[in-house]
Protein backbone atom coordinates (compact mmCIF):
# COMPACT_ATOMS: atom_id res chain seq x y z
CA MET A 1 -0.01 -0.14 0.00
CA THR A 2 1.20 3.54 -0.54
CA PHE A 3 2.30 5.56 2.22
CA GLU A 4 -0.46 8.07 1.62
CA ASP A 5 -2.99 5.45 1.50
CA LEU A 6 -1.75 3.48 4.56
CA ARG A 7 -1.83 6.70 6.41
CA GLU A 8 -5.40 7.49 5.33
CA LEU A 9 -6.59 3.90 6.40
CA LEU A 10 -5.00 4.41 9.89
CA LEU A 11 -6.53 7.76 10.39
CA SER A 12 -9.78 6.53 9.15
CA ILE A 13 -9.81 3.75 11.82
CA ALA A 14 -8.86 6.51 14.48
CA GLU A 15 -11.67 8.75 13.31
CA GLU A 16 -14.01 5.77 13.62
CA ASP A 17 -15.05 6.21 9.82
CA THR A 18 -14.15 2.40 8.66
CA ILE A 19 -17.38 0.92 8.17
CA ILE A 20 -16.65 -2.06 5.69
CA SER A 21 -18.71 -0.77 2.94
CA THR A 22 -16.73 2.56 3.01
CA LEU A 23 -13.40 0.77 3.16
CA PHE A 24 -14.78 -1.35 0.09
CA SER A 25 -15.85 1.44 -1.95
CA PHE A 26 -12.76 3.84 -1.33
CA PHE A 27 -9.55 1.26 -1.03
CA ILE A 28 -10.85 -1.62 -3.34
CA LYS A 29 -13.25 -0.16 -6.05
CA ASN A 30 -11.57 3.23 -6.13
CA LYS A 31 -7.80 2.55 -5.33
CA GLY A 32 -7.88 -0.82 -6.62
CA TYR A 33 -6.25 -2.59 -3.52
CA SER A 34 -6.96 -6.39 -3.00
CA THR A 35 -9.18 -7.50 0.19
CA GLN A 36 -6.06 -9.37 1.00
CA ILE A 37 -3.93 -6.49 1.74
CA LEU A 38 -6.49 -4.69 3.75
CA GLU A 39 -6.94 -7.78 5.74
CA ASP A 40 -3.30 -8.21 6.26
CA ILE A 41 -3.15 -4.90 7.66
CA ILE A 42 -6.49 -5.12 9.68
CA PHE A 43 -5.70 -8.49 11.27
CA TYR A 44 -2.16 -7.32 11.95
CA GLY A 45 -3.65 -4.43 14.09
CA VAL A 46 -6.17 -6.98 15.59
CA LYS A 47 -3.27 -9.67 16.47
CA ILE A 48 -1.30 -6.90 18.31
CA GLY A 49 -4.24 -5.61 20.06
CA TRP A 50 -4.65 -2.23 18.38
CA PHE A 51 -7.75 -2.96 16.53
CA LYS A 52 -11.00 -4.76 16.72
CA ILE A 53 -13.77 -5.31 14.47
CA VAL A 54 -17.16 -4.58 15.60
CA ASN A 55 -20.82 -4.38 15.10
CA VAL A 56 -21.87 -0.67 14.07
CA GLY A 57 -24.81 -0.66 16.14
CA ASN A 58 -23.48 -2.66 19.16
CA ASP A 59 -19.67 -2.28 19.63
CA ASN A 60 -19.93 -5.23 22.49
CA ILE A 61 -20.56 -7.60 19.21
CA SER A 62 -17.06 -8.32 17.85
CA TYR A 63 -16.04 -10.44 14.64
CA THR A 64 -13.27 -12.59 13.60
CA GLU A 65 -13.85 -12.40 9.96
CA ILE A 66 -14.95 -9.38 7.62
CA GLU A 67 -17.52 -9.57 5.16
CA TRP A 68 -16.19 -7.81 2.17
CA ARG A 69 -18.98 -6.41 0.54
CA ILE A 70 -20.11 -2.87 -0.98
CA ASP A 71 -23.25 -3.53 1.12
CA ASN A 72 -21.59 -4.29 4.45
CA ASP A 73 -22.68 -1.50 6.66
CA PHE A 74 -22.82 -3.54 9.83
CA GLN A 75 -19.17 -4.24 10.44
CA GLU A 76 -16.46 -1.55 11.24
CA VAL A 77 -12.94 -1.40 12.37
CA VAL A 78 -12.01 0.58 15.29
CA PHE A 79 -9.10 1.17 17.82
CA CYS A 80 -9.25 -0.77 20.88
CA ASP A 81 -8.20 2.60 22.76
CA ASN A 82 -8.93 5.69 20.79
CA ASP A 83 -6.83 7.86 23.09
CA PHE A 84 -3.79 5.71 22.37
CA ALA A 85 -4.59 6.00 18.46
CA VAL A 86 -4.86 9.68 18.59
CA LYS A 87 -1.29 9.76 20.51
CA THR A 88 0.10 7.09 18.34
CA LEU A 89 -0.61 8.38 14.89
CA PHE A 90 -0.17 12.17 15.73
CA THR A 91 3.04 12.07 17.57
CA GLN A 92 4.78 10.13 14.95
CA GLU A 93 6.62 11.93 12.39
CA SER A 94 5.12 10.34 9.30
CA GLY A 95 1.90 9.63 10.75
CA ILE A 96 2.56 5.95 10.48
CA PRO A 97 3.59 3.87 13.41
CA GLU A 98 6.78 1.98 13.02
CA LEU A 99 4.88 -1.50 13.50
CA PHE A 100 2.94 -0.68 10.27
CA LYS A 101 5.48 0.47 8.04
CA LYS A 102 6.18 -3.13 6.69
CA PHE A 103 2.85 -2.70 4.80
CA ILE A 104 4.31 0.39 2.72
CA LEU A 105 5.44 -0.58 -0.76
């Protein structure tokens, strides 16, 4: 993923603007990324305890899989700790935490 697009993805997650239908439309349809690269980034974030995939209407409902559909408006990716997200993303010189730089092409 390009530097700019990865930064956009991480900031979108921090701003809680990552309903799957939005990700699908922007990153897959418009930008041409595969679902695999998005899954790699998102599930890496889940694995290290930064992200979770939750129900839009009830964040007590979490998911272990993403349904990649343009009409998926019930799942979203969020930071587990939004204060941590803001501090991490906005205090890094590049806006991309070191752990995620491996996804830059």
